[in-house]
PDB file of all heavy atoms in Angstrom:
ATOM      1  N   GLU A   1      96.448-157.174 141.272  1.00  0.00           N
ATOM      2  CA  GLU A   1      96.857-157.897 142.487  1.00  0.00           C
ATOM      3  C   GLU A   1      98.187-158.616 142.266  1.00  0.00           C
ATOM      4  O   GLU A   1      99.091-158.543 143.119  1.00  0.00           O
ATOM      5  CB  GLU A   1      95.763-158.908 142.856  1.00  0.00           C
ATOM      6  CG  GLU A   1      96.090-159.783 144.058  1.00  0.00           C
ATOM      7  CD  GLU A   1      95.048-160.866 144.292  1.00  0.00           C
ATOM      8  OE1 GLU A   1      93.879-160.665 143.903  1.00  0.00           O
ATOM      9  OE2 GLU A   1      95.419-161.916 144.856  1.00  0.00           O
ATOM     10  N   ILE A   2      98.321-159.297 141.143  1.00  0.00           N
ATOM     11  CA  ILE A   2      99.577-159.990 140.831  1.00  0.00           C
ATOM     12  C   ILE A   2     100.705-158.985 140.640  1.00  0.00           C
ATOM     13  O   ILE A   2     101.837-159.189 141.105  1.00  0.00           O
ATOM     14  CB  ILE A   2      99.411-160.845 139.565  1.00  0.00           C
ATOM     15  CG1 ILE A   2      98.457-162.020 139.830  1.00  0.00           C
ATOM     16  CG2 ILE A   2     100.754-161.367 139.075  1.00  0.00           C
ATOM     17  CD1 ILE A   2      99.015-163.099 140.710  1.00  0.00           C
ATOM     18  N   PHE A   3     100.419-157.874 139.961  1.00  0.00           N
ATOM     19  CA  PHE A   3     101.427-156.858 139.687  1.00  0.00           C
ATOM     20  C   PHE A   3     101.964-156.261 140.988  1.00  0.00           C
ATOM     21  O   PHE A   3     103.176-156.122 141.175  1.00  0.00           O
ATOM     22  CB  PHE A   3     100.823-155.770 138.799  1.00  0.00           C
ATOM     23  CG  PHE A   3     101.816-154.753 138.300  1.00  0.00           C
ATOM     24  CD1 PHE A   3     102.777-155.096 137.372  1.00  0.00           C
ATOM     25  CD2 PHE A   3     101.774-153.437 138.762  1.00  0.00           C
ATOM     26  CE1 PHE A   3     103.693-154.167 136.908  1.00  0.00           C
ATOM     27  CE2 PHE A   3     102.687-152.502 138.299  1.00  0.00           C
ATOM     28  CZ  PHE A   3     103.641-152.865 137.374  1.00  0.00           C
ATOM     29  N   SER A   4     101.046-155.935 141.910  1.00  0.00           N
ATOM     30  CA  SER A   4     101.470-155.361 143.201  1.00  0.00           C
ATOM     31  C   SER A   4     102.222-156.390 144.035  1.00  0.00           C
ATOM     32  O   SER A   4     103.251-156.072 144.649  1.00  0.00           O
ATOM     33  CB  SER A   4     100.245-154.859 143.968  1.00  0.00           C
ATOM     34  OG  SER A   4      99.555-153.874 143.235  1.00  0.00           O
ATOM     35  N   GLY A   5     101.712-157.637 144.059  1.00  0.00           N
ATOM     36  CA  GLY A   5     102.376-158.681 144.843  1.00  0.00           C
ATOM     37  C   GLY A   5     103.766-158.986 144.336  1.00  0.00           C
ATOM     38  O   GLY A   5     104.694-159.269 145.104  1.00  0.00           O
ATOM     39  N   MET A   6     103.947-158.914 143.023  1.00  0.00           N
ATOM     40  CA  MET A   6     105.257-159.158 142.428  1.00  0.00           C
ATOM     41  C   MET A   6     106.271-158.122 142.898  1.00  0.00           C
ATOM     42  O   MET A   6     107.405-158.451 143.265  1.00  0.00           O
ATOM     43  CB  MET A   6     105.107-159.098 140.903  1.00  0.00           C
ATOM     44  CG  MET A   6     106.383-159.180 140.122  1.00  0.00           C
ATOM     45  SD  MET A   6     106.065-158.913 138.356  1.00  0.00           S
ATOM     46  CE  MET A   6     105.697-157.151 138.375  1.00  0.00           C
ATOM     47  N   ILE A   7     105.853-156.870 142.938  1.00  0.00           N
ATOM     48  CA  ILE A   7     106.764-155.795 143.360  1.00  0.00           C
ATOM     49  C   ILE A   7     107.073-155.892 144.848  1.00  0.00           C
ATOM     50  O   ILE A   7     108.206-155.661 145.281  1.00  0.00           O
ATOM     51  CB  ILE A   7     106.156-154.425 143.003  1.00  0.00           C
ATOM     52  CG1 ILE A   7     106.074-154.294 141.480  1.00  0.00           C
ATOM     53  CG2 ILE A   7     106.968-153.282 143.592  1.00  0.00           C
ATOM     54  CD1 ILE A   7     105.296-153.124 140.985  1.00  0.00           C
ATOM     55  N   LYS A   8     106.088-156.298 145.644  1.00  0.00           N
ATOM     56  CA  LYS A   8     106.320-156.452 147.085  1.00  0.00           C
ATOM     57  C   LYS A   8     107.339-157.549 147.367  1.00  0.00           C
ATOM     58  O   LYS A   8     108.041-157.494 148.385  1.00  0.00           O
ATOM     59  CB  LYS A   8     104.996-156.775 147.793  1.00  0.00           C
ATOM     60  CG  LYS A   8     104.030-155.596 147.867  1.00  0.00           C
ATOM     61  CD  LYS A   8     102.734-155.990 148.532  1.00  0.00           C
ATOM     62  CE  LYS A   8     101.752-154.833 148.552  1.00  0.00           C
ATOM     63  NZ  LYS A   8     100.442-155.224 149.163  1.00  0.00           N
ATOM     64  N   GLN A   9     107.411-158.528 146.489  1.00  0.00           N
ATOM     65  CA  GLN A   9     108.374-159.613 146.666  1.00  0.00           C
ATOM     66  C   GLN A   9     109.757-159.273 146.108  1.00  0.00           C
ATOM     67  O   GLN A   9     110.635-160.113 146.058  1.00  0.00           O
ATOM     68  CB  GLN A   9     107.852-160.889 146.001  1.00  0.00           C
ATOM     69  CG  GLN A   9     106.611-161.446 146.681  1.00  0.00           C
ATOM     70  CD  GLN A   9     106.123-162.733 146.042  1.00  0.00           C
ATOM     71  OE1 GLN A   9     106.873-163.393 145.318  1.00  0.00           O
ATOM     72  NE2 GLN A   9     104.878-163.100 146.298  1.00  0.00           N
ATOM     73  N   GLY A  10     109.910-158.026 145.684  1.00  0.00           N
ATOM     74  CA  GLY A  10     111.221-157.572 145.224  1.00  0.00           C
ATOM     75  C   GLY A  10     111.540-157.904 143.785  1.00  0.00           C
ATOM     76  O   GLY A  10     112.705-157.830 143.374  1.00  0.00           O
ATOM     77  N   ILE A  11     110.529-158.260 142.988  1.00  0.00           N
ATOM     78  CA  ILE A  11     110.743-158.559 141.572  1.00  0.00           C
ATOM     79  C   ILE A  11     110.371-157.320 140.773  1.00  0.00           C
ATOM     80  O   ILE A  11     109.197-156.958 140.679  1.00  0.00           O
ATOM     81  CB  ILE A  11     109.906-159.773 141.135  1.00  0.00           C
ATOM     82  CG1 ILE A  11     110.288-160.997 141.967  1.00  0.00           C
ATOM     83  CG2 ILE A  11     110.094-160.053 139.651  1.00  0.00           C
ATOM     84  CD1 ILE A  11     109.443-162.212 141.700  1.00  0.00           C
ATOM     85  N   ASN A  12     111.360-156.657 140.221  1.00  0.00           N
ATOM     86  CA  ASN A  12     111.137-155.410 139.501  1.00  0.00           C
ATOM     87  C   ASN A  12     110.623-155.675 138.093  1.00  0.00           C
ATOM     88  O   ASN A  12     111.200-156.481 137.357  1.00  0.00           O
ATOM     89  CB  ASN A  12     112.431-154.598 139.422  1.00  0.00           C
ATOM     90  CG  ASN A  12     112.913-154.161 140.803  1.00  0.00           C
ATOM     91  OD1 ASN A  12     112.108-153.817 141.666  1.00  0.00           O
ATOM     92  ND2 ASN A  12     114.217-154.174 141.002  1.00  0.00           N
ATOM     93  N   PRO A  13     109.535-155.007 137.705  1.00  0.00           N
ATOM     94  CA  PRO A  13     108.998-155.213 136.358  1.00  0.00           C
ATOM     95  C   PRO A  13     109.922-154.652 135.287  1.00  0.00           C
ATOM     96  O   PRO A  13     110.608-153.657 135.503  1.00  0.00           O
ATOM     97  CB  PRO A  13     107.660-154.449 136.388  1.00  0.00           C
ATOM     98  CG  PRO A  13     107.812-153.450 137.484  1.00  0.00           C
ATOM     99  CD  PRO A  13     108.726-154.064 138.495  1.00  0.00           C
ATOM    100  N   SER A  14     109.943-155.290 134.144  1.00  0.00           N
ATOM    101  CA  SER A  14     110.742-154.830 133.011  1.00  0.00           C
ATOM    102  C   SER A  14     109.869-153.987 132.088  1.00  0.00           C
ATOM    103  O   SER A  14     108.668-153.802 132.330  1.00  0.00           O
ATOM    104  CB  SER A  14     111.288-156.037 132.250  1.00  0.00           C
ATOM    105  OG  SER A  14     110.214-156.811 131.729  1.00  0.00           O
ATOM    106  N   SER A  15     110.477-153.486 131.019  1.00  0.00           N
ATOM    107  CA  SER A  15     109.710-152.724 130.026  1.00  0.00           C
ATOM    108  C   SER A  15     108.649-153.607 129.382  1.00  0.00           C
ATOM    109  O   SER A  15     107.540-153.140 129.084  1.00  0.00           O
ATOM    110  CB  SER A  15     110.646-152.174 128.946  1.00  0.00           C
ATOM    111  OG  SER A  15     111.598-151.299 129.502  1.00  0.00           O
ATOM    112  N   GLU A  16     108.971-154.899 129.192  1.00  0.00           N
ATOM    113  CA  GLU A  16     107.999-155.833 128.630  1.00  0.00           C
ATOM    114  C   GLU A  16     106.806-156.011 129.563  1.00  0.00           C
ATOM    115  O   GLU A  16     105.654-156.069 129.110  1.00  0.00           O
ATOM    116  CB  GLU A  16     108.677-157.182 128.371  1.00  0.00           C
ATOM    117  CG  GLU A  16     107.765-158.261 127.810  1.00  0.00           C
ATOM    118  CD  GLU A  16     107.233-157.931 126.435  1.00  0.00           C
ATOM    119  OE1 GLU A  16     107.855-157.126 125.725  1.00  0.00           O
ATOM    120  OE2 GLU A  16     106.180-158.499 126.072  1.00  0.00           O
ATOM    121  N   THR A  17     107.062-156.079 130.859  1.00  0.00           N
ATOM    122  CA  THR A  17     105.980-156.201 131.843  1.00  0.00           C
ATOM    123  C   THR A  17     105.076-154.976 131.805  1.00  0.00           C
ATOM    124  O   THR A  17     103.842-155.082 131.806  1.00  0.00           O
ATOM    125  CB  THR A  17     106.554-156.369 133.252  1.00  0.00           C
ATOM    126  OG1 THR A  17     107.516-157.418 133.261  1.00  0.00           O
ATOM    127  CG2 THR A  17     105.465-156.671 134.263  1.00  0.00           C
ATOM    128  N   LEU A  18     105.695-153.820 131.775  1.00  0.00           N
ATOM    129  CA  LEU A  18     104.931-152.573 131.712  1.00  0.00           C
ATOM    130  C   LEU A  18     104.104-152.517 130.433  1.00  0.00           C
ATOM    131  O   LEU A  18     102.941-152.078 130.442  1.00  0.00           O
ATOM    132  CB  LEU A  18     105.905-151.391 131.780  1.00  0.00           C
ATOM    133  CG  LEU A  18     105.315-150.028 132.140  1.00  0.00           C
ATOM    134  CD1 LEU A  18     104.648-150.090 133.503  1.00  0.00           C
ATOM    135  CD2 LEU A  18     106.399-148.963 132.129  1.00  0.00           C
ATOM    136  N   TYR A  19     104.686-152.988 129.342  1.00  0.00           N
ATOM    137  CA  TYR A  19     103.964-153.005 128.065  1.00  0.00           C
ATOM    138  C   TYR A  19     102.750-153.938 128.150  1.00  0.00           C
ATOM    139  O   TYR A  19     101.663-153.602 127.653  1.00  0.00           O
ATOM    140  CB  TYR A  19     104.899-153.463 126.948  1.00  0.00           C
ATOM    141  CG  TYR A  19     104.228-153.573 125.606  1.00  0.00           C
ATOM    142  CD1 TYR A  19     104.103-152.457 124.782  1.00  0.00           C
ATOM    143  CD2 TYR A  19     103.699-154.779 125.159  1.00  0.00           C
ATOM    144  CE1 TYR A  19     103.482-152.551 123.550  1.00  0.00           C
ATOM    145  CE2 TYR A  19     103.081-154.875 123.937  1.00  0.00           C
ATOM    146  CZ  TYR A  19     102.979-153.755 123.131  1.00  0.00           C
ATOM    147  OH  TYR A  19     102.335-153.856 121.927  1.00  0.00           O
ATOM    148  N   ILE A  20     102.904-155.103 128.762  1.00  0.00           N
ATOM    149  CA  ILE A  20     101.806-156.065 128.878  1.00  0.00           C
ATOM    150  C   ILE A  20     100.632-155.456 129.634  1.00  0.00           C
ATOM    151  O   ILE A  20      99.470-155.546 129.209  1.00  0.00           O
ATOM    152  CB  ILE A  20     102.290-157.350 129.577  1.00  0.00           C
ATOM    153  CG1 ILE A  20     103.226-158.139 128.649  1.00  0.00           C
ATOM    154  CG2 ILE A  20     101.112-158.225 130.004  1.00  0.00           C
ATOM    155  CD1 ILE A  20     103.928-159.288 129.330  1.00  0.00           C
ATOM    156  N   VAL A  21     100.925-154.801 130.763  1.00  0.00           N
ATOM    157  CA  VAL A  21      99.857-154.234 131.592  1.00  0.00           C
ATOM    158  C   VAL A  21      99.177-153.071 130.879  1.00  0.00           C
ATOM    159  O   VAL A  21      97.940-152.979 130.813  1.00  0.00           O
ATOM    160  CB  VAL A  21     100.420-153.794 132.959  1.00  0.00           C
ATOM    161  CG1 VAL A  21      99.336-153.134 133.793  1.00  0.00           C
ATOM    162  CG2 VAL A  21     101.005-154.990 133.710  1.00  0.00           C
ATOM    163  N   MET A  22      99.980-152.144 130.340  1.00  0.00           N
ATOM    164  CA  MET A  22      99.399-150.978 129.662  1.00  0.00           C
ATOM    165  C   MET A  22      98.648-151.385 128.401  1.00  0.00           C
ATOM    166  O   MET A  22      97.582-150.823 128.098  1.00  0.00           O
ATOM    167  CB  MET A  22     100.508-149.988 129.313  1.00  0.00           C
ATOM    168  CG  MET A  22     101.076-149.251 130.509  1.00  0.00           C
ATOM    169  SD  MET A  22     102.305-148.024 130.027  1.00  0.00           S
ATOM    170  CE  MET A  22     102.594-147.185 131.589  1.00  0.00           C
ATOM    171  N   ASP A  23      99.171-152.349 127.662  1.00  0.00           N
ATOM    172  CA  ASP A  23      98.505-152.797 126.451  1.00  0.00           C
ATOM    173  C   ASP A  23      97.181-153.484 126.769  1.00  0.00           C
ATOM    174  O   ASP A  23      96.232-153.403 125.985  1.00  0.00           O
ATOM    175  CB  ASP A  23      99.416-153.743 125.677  1.00  0.00           C
ATOM    176  CG  ASP A  23      98.831-154.140 124.333  1.00  0.00           C
ATOM    177  OD1 ASP A  23      98.568-153.241 123.510  1.00  0.00           O
ATOM    178  OD2 ASP A  23      98.623-155.345 124.104  1.00  0.00           O
ATOM    179  N   SER A  24      97.107-154.161 127.905  1.00  0.00           N
ATOM    180  CA  SER A  24      95.845-154.793 128.318  1.00  0.00           C
ATOM    181  C   SER A  24      94.765-153.746 128.530  1.00  0.00           C
ATOM    182  O   SER A  24      93.610-153.922 128.110  1.00  0.00           O
ATOM    183  CB  SER A  24      96.058-155.599 129.603  1.00  0.00           C
ATOM    184  OG  SER A  24      97.006-156.624 129.411  1.00  0.00           O
ATOM    185  N   TYR A  25      95.121-152.637 129.166  1.00  0.00           N
ATOM    186  CA  TYR A  25      94.163-151.541 129.355  1.00  0.00           C
ATOM    187  C   TYR A  25      93.787-150.910 128.016  1.00  0.00           C
ATOM    188  O   TYR A  25      92.608-150.640 127.753  1.00  0.00           O
ATOM    189  CB  TYR A  25      94.758-150.472 130.277  1.00  0.00           C
ATOM    190  CG  TYR A  25      94.835-150.873 131.731  1.00  0.00           C
ATOM    191  CD1 TYR A  25      96.027-150.755 132.442  1.00  0.00           C
ATOM    192  CD2 TYR A  25      93.717-151.346 132.407  1.00  0.00           C
ATOM    193  CE1 TYR A  25      96.104-151.108 133.783  1.00  0.00           C
ATOM    194  CE2 TYR A  25      93.778-151.707 133.746  1.00  0.00           C
ATOM    195  CZ  TYR A  25      94.981-151.589 134.430  1.00  0.00           C
ATOM    196  OH  TYR A  25      95.049-151.947 135.752  1.00  0.00           O
ATOM    197  N   ALA A  26      94.799-150.660 127.159  1.00  0.00           N
ATOM    198  CA  ALA A  26      94.537-149.998 125.873  1.00  0.00           C
ATOM    199  C   ALA A  26      93.657-150.864 124.987  1.00  0.00           C
ATOM    200  O   ALA A  26      92.754-150.356 124.296  1.00  0.00           O
ATOM    201  CB  ALA A  26      95.853-149.669 125.184  1.00  0.00           C
ATOM    202  N   ARG A  27      93.892-152.179 124.988  1.00  0.00           N
ATOM    203  CA  ARG A  27      93.090-153.084 124.159  1.00  0.00           C
ATOM    204  C   ARG A  27      91.637-153.103 124.618  1.00  0.00           C
ATOM    205  O   ARG A  27      90.720-153.236 123.800  1.00  0.00           O
ATOM    206  CB  ARG A  27      93.677-154.494 124.206  1.00  0.00           C
ATOM    207  CG  ARG A  27      92.958-155.467 123.285  1.00  0.00           C
ATOM    208  CD  ARG A  27      93.646-156.820 123.204  1.00  0.00           C
ATOM    209  NE  ARG A  27      93.783-157.432 124.503  1.00  0.00           N
ATOM    210  CZ  ARG A  27      94.943-157.640 125.126  1.00  0.00           C
ATOM    211  NH1 ARG A  27      96.071-157.261 124.557  1.00  0.00           N
ATOM    212  NH2 ARG A  27      94.991-158.218 126.309  1.00  0.00           N
ATOM    213  N   ALA A  28      91.419-152.952 125.923  1.00  0.00           N
ATOM    214  CA  ALA A  28      90.059-152.938 126.469  1.00  0.00           C
ATOM    215  C   ALA A  28      89.448-151.540 126.464  1.00  0.00           C
ATOM    216  O   ALA A  28      88.384-151.332 127.048  1.00  0.00           O
ATOM    217  CB  ALA A  28      90.076-153.486 127.895  1.00  0.00           C
ATOM    218  N   ARG A  29      90.138-150.573 125.833  1.00  0.00           N
ATOM    219  CA  ARG A  29      89.691-149.190 125.732  1.00  0.00           C
ATOM    220  C   ARG A  29      89.591-148.504 127.098  1.00  0.00           C
ATOM    221  O   ARG A  29      88.797-147.582 127.287  1.00  0.00           O
ATOM    222  CB  ARG A  29      88.347-149.096 124.987  1.00  0.00           C
ATOM    223  CG  ARG A  29      88.425-149.605 123.560  1.00  0.00           C
ATOM    224  CD  ARG A  29      87.128-149.400 122.803  1.00  0.00           C
ATOM    225  NE  ARG A  29      87.254-149.826 121.426  1.00  0.00           N
ATOM    226  CZ  ARG A  29      87.758-149.081 120.442  1.00  0.00           C
ATOM    227  NH1 ARG A  29      88.185-147.855 120.709  1.00  0.00           N
ATOM    228  NH2 ARG A  29      87.839-149.538 119.215  1.00  0.00           N
ATOM    229  N   ARG A  30      90.394-148.967 128.029  1.00  0.00           N
ATOM    230  CA  ARG A  30      90.488-148.293 129.330  1.00  0.00           C
ATOM    231  C   ARG A  30      91.726-147.393 129.313  1.00  0.00           C
ATOM    232  O   ARG A  30      92.704-147.636 130.007  1.00  0.00           O
ATOM    233  CB  ARG A  30      90.551-149.320 130.455  1.00  0.00           C
ATOM    234  CG  ARG A  30      89.306-150.181 130.541  1.00  0.00           C
ATOM    235  CD  ARG A  30      89.252-150.926 131.855  1.00  0.00           C
ATOM    236  NE  ARG A  30      88.037-151.684 132.004  1.00  0.00           N
ATOM    237  CZ  ARG A  30      87.638-152.259 133.138  1.00  0.00           C
ATOM    238  NH1 ARG A  30      88.399-152.172 134.223  1.00  0.00           N
ATOM    239  NH2 ARG A  30      86.511-152.928 133.211  1.00  0.00           N
ATOM    240  N   ILE A  31      91.634-146.367 128.493  1.00  0.00           N
ATOM    241  CA  ILE A  31      92.778-145.493 128.259  1.00  0.00           C
ATOM    242  C   ILE A  31      93.172-144.755 129.542  1.00  0.00           C
ATOM    243  O   ILE A  31      94.356-144.596 129.844  1.00  0.00           O
ATOM    244  CB  ILE A  31      92.462-144.485 127.139  1.00  0.00           C
ATOM    245  CG1 ILE A  31      91.913-145.207 125.912  1.00  0.00           C
ATOM    246  CG2 ILE A  31      93.708-143.686 126.785  1.00  0.00           C
ATOM    247  CD1 ILE A  31      92.820-146.281 125.381  1.00  0.00           C
ATOM    248  N   SER A  32      92.157-144.311 130.278  1.00  0.00           N
ATOM    249  CA  SER A  32      92.452-143.560 131.514  1.00  0.00           C
ATOM    250  C   SER A  32      93.229-144.420 132.505  1.00  0.00           C
ATOM    251  O   SER A  32      94.115-143.924 133.209  1.00  0.00           O
ATOM    252  CB  SER A  32      91.148-143.060 132.146  1.00  0.00           C
ATOM    253  OG  SER A  32      90.287-144.157 132.447  1.00  0.00           O
ATOM    254  N   LYS A  33      92.942-145.716 132.565  1.00  0.00           N
ATOM    255  CA  LYS A  33      93.651-146.604 133.497  1.00  0.00           C
ATOM    256  C   LYS A  33      95.124-146.733 133.095  1.00  0.00           C
ATOM    257  O   LYS A  33      96.005-146.766 133.955  1.00  0.00           O
ATOM    258  CB  LYS A  33      92.996-147.983 133.506  1.00  0.00           C
ATOM    259  CG  LYS A  33      91.608-148.012 134.097  1.00  0.00           C
ATOM    260  CD  LYS A  33      91.629-147.894 135.612  1.00  0.00           C
ATOM    261  CE  LYS A  33      92.152-149.133 136.275  1.00  0.00           C
ATOM    262  NZ  LYS A  33      92.117-149.048 137.734  1.00  0.00           N
ATOM    263  N   ALA A  34      95.379-146.810 131.783  1.00  0.00           N
ATOM    264  CA  ALA A  34      96.761-146.907 131.313  1.00  0.00           C
ATOM    265  C   ALA A  34      97.537-145.639 131.651  1.00  0.00           C
ATOM    266  O   ALA A  34      98.691-145.692 132.102  1.00  0.00           O
ATOM    267  CB  ALA A  34      96.777-147.152 129.809  1.00  0.00           C
ATOM    268  N   ILE A  35      96.877-144.475 131.461  1.00  0.00           N
ATOM    269  CA  ILE A  35      97.542-143.207 131.763  1.00  0.00           C
ATOM    270  C   ILE A  35      97.746-143.059 133.266  1.00  0.00           C
ATOM    271  O   ILE A  35      98.787-142.575 133.736  1.00  0.00           O
ATOM    272  CB  ILE A  35      96.731-142.033 131.186  1.00  0.00           C
ATOM    273  CG1 ILE A  35      96.736-142.119 129.650  1.00  0.00           C
ATOM    274  CG2 ILE A  35      97.294-140.689 131.648  1.00  0.00           C
ATOM    275  CD1 ILE A  35      95.863-141.090 128.963  1.00  0.00           C
ATOM    276  N   GLN A  36      96.754-143.492 134.053  1.00  0.00           N
ATOM    277  CA  GLN A  36      96.890-143.437 135.519  1.00  0.00           C
ATOM    278  C   GLN A  36      98.027-144.326 136.000  1.00  0.00           C
ATOM    279  O   GLN A  36      98.757-143.965 136.922  1.00  0.00           O
ATOM    280  CB  GLN A  36      95.572-143.865 136.179  1.00  0.00           C
ATOM    281  CG  GLN A  36      94.449-142.841 136.060  1.00  0.00           C
ATOM    282  CD  GLN A  36      93.129-143.377 136.556  1.00  0.00           C
ATOM    283  OE1 GLN A  36      93.071-144.409 137.231  1.00  0.00           O
ATOM    284  NE2 GLN A  36      92.038-142.676 136.224  1.00  0.00           N
ATOM    285  N   LEU A  37      98.182-145.485 135.374  1.00  0.00           N
ATOM    286  CA  LEU A  37      99.277-146.372 135.753  1.00  0.00           C
ATOM    287  C   LEU A  37     100.623-145.705 135.504  1.00  0.00           C
ATOM    288  O   LEU A  37     101.538-145.817 136.329  1.00  0.00           O
ATOM    289  CB  LEU A  37      99.187-147.680 134.967  1.00  0.00           C
ATOM    290  CG  LEU A  37     100.309-148.693 135.205  1.00  0.00           C
ATOM    291  CD1 LEU A  37     100.326-149.147 136.663  1.00  0.00           C
ATOM    292  CD2 LEU A  37     100.176-149.898 134.279  1.00  0.00           C
ATOM    293  N   PHE A  38     100.735-144.980 134.401  1.00  0.00           N
ATOM    294  CA  PHE A  38     101.977-144.259 134.135  1.00  0.00           C
ATOM    295  C   PHE A  38     102.252-143.225 135.226  1.00  0.00           C
ATOM    296  O   PHE A  38     103.395-143.060 135.666  1.00  0.00           O
ATOM    297  CB  PHE A  38     101.906-143.577 132.766  1.00  0.00           C
ATOM    298  CG  PHE A  38     103.087-142.706 132.459  1.00  0.00           C
ATOM    299  CD1 PHE A  38     104.298-143.260 132.082  1.00  0.00           C
ATOM    300  CD2 PHE A  38     102.991-141.320 132.563  1.00  0.00           C
ATOM    301  CE1 PHE A  38     105.400-142.462 131.813  1.00  0.00           C
ATOM    302  CE2 PHE A  38     104.080-140.514 132.298  1.00  0.00           C
ATOM    303  CZ  PHE A  38     105.284-141.087 131.914  1.00  0.00           C
ATOM    304  N   GLY A  39     101.190-142.545 135.668  1.00  0.00           N
ATOM    305  CA  GLY A  39     101.369-141.549 136.724  1.00  0.00           C
ATOM    306  C   GLY A  39     101.703-142.150 138.075  1.00  0.00           C
ATOM    307  O   GLY A  39     102.249-141.454 138.950  1.00  0.00           O
ATOM    308  N   ARG A  40     101.394-143.434 138.256  1.00  0.00           N
ATOM    309  CA  ARG A  40     101.629-144.093 139.557  1.00  0.00           C
ATOM    310  C   ARG A  40     102.878-144.971 139.556  1.00  0.00           C
ATOM    311  O   ARG A  40     103.073-145.758 140.475  1.00  0.00           O
ATOM    312  CB  ARG A  40     100.417-144.964 139.905  1.00  0.00           C
ATOM    313  CG  ARG A  40      99.124-144.198 140.149  1.00  0.00           C
ATOM    314  CD  ARG A  40      97.976-145.172 140.319  1.00  0.00           C
ATOM    315  NE  ARG A  40      98.267-146.195 141.306  1.00  0.00           N
ATOM    316  CZ  ARG A  40      97.713-147.407 141.317  1.00  0.00           C
ATOM    317  NH1 ARG A  40      96.871-147.744 140.355  1.00  0.00           N
ATOM    318  NH2 ARG A  40      98.012-148.275 142.260  1.00  0.00           N
ATOM    319  N   LEU A  41     103.681-144.869 138.545  1.00  0.00           N
ATOM    320  CA  LEU A  41     104.831-145.766 138.433  1.00  0.00           C
ATOM    321  C   LEU A  41     105.782-145.645 139.619  1.00  0.00           C
ATOM    322  O   LEU A  41     106.411-146.626 140.031  1.00  0.00           O
ATOM    323  CB  LEU A  41     105.592-145.493 137.129  1.00  0.00           C
ATOM    324  CG  LEU A  41     104.915-145.982 135.841  1.00  0.00           C
ATOM    325  CD1 LEU A  41     105.770-145.648 134.633  1.00  0.00           C
ATOM    326  CD2 LEU A  41     104.651-147.484 135.895  1.00  0.00           C
ATOM    327  N   GLU A  42     105.890-144.443 140.174  1.00  0.00           N
ATOM    328  CA  GLU A  42     106.804-144.256 141.301  1.00  0.00           C
ATOM    329  C   GLU A  42     106.347-145.039 142.530  1.00  0.00           C
ATOM    330  O   GLU A  42     107.155-145.416 143.372  1.00  0.00           O
ATOM    331  CB  GLU A  42     106.927-142.774 141.632  1.00  0.00           C
ATOM    332  CG  GLU A  42     107.633-141.974 140.530  1.00  0.00           C
ATOM    333  CD  GLU A  42     107.796-140.509 140.894  1.00  0.00           C
ATOM    334  OE1 GLU A  42     107.267-140.111 141.971  1.00  0.00           O
ATOM    335  OE2 GLU A  42     108.429-139.771 140.120  1.00  0.00           O
ATOM    336  N   GLU A  43     105.031-145.290 142.642  1.00  0.00           N
ATOM    337  CA  GLU A  43     104.526-146.099 143.751  1.00  0.00           C
ATOM    338  C   GLU A  43     105.025-147.543 143.648  1.00  0.00           C
ATOM    339  O   GLU A  43     105.113-148.244 144.658  1.00  0.00           O
ATOM    340  CB  GLU A  43     102.989-146.101 143.752  1.00  0.00           C
ATOM    341  CG  GLU A  43     102.361-144.730 143.941  1.00  0.00           C
ATOM    342  CD  GLU A  43     100.850-144.801 143.876  1.00  0.00           C
ATOM    343  OE1 GLU A  43     100.302-145.925 144.012  1.00  0.00           O
ATOM    344  OE2 GLU A  43     100.206-143.747 143.693  1.00  0.00           O
TER     345      GLU A  43
END
């Protein structure tokens, strides 16, 4: 929710932001969510 709201407000995520989100999924063993996020980056 925060990630989507941030982008709607015109704040573009950096590589560090992307790392934080993907690493959160990987640490929780939600590998599919991290890979899905990569596929949805254009959104």
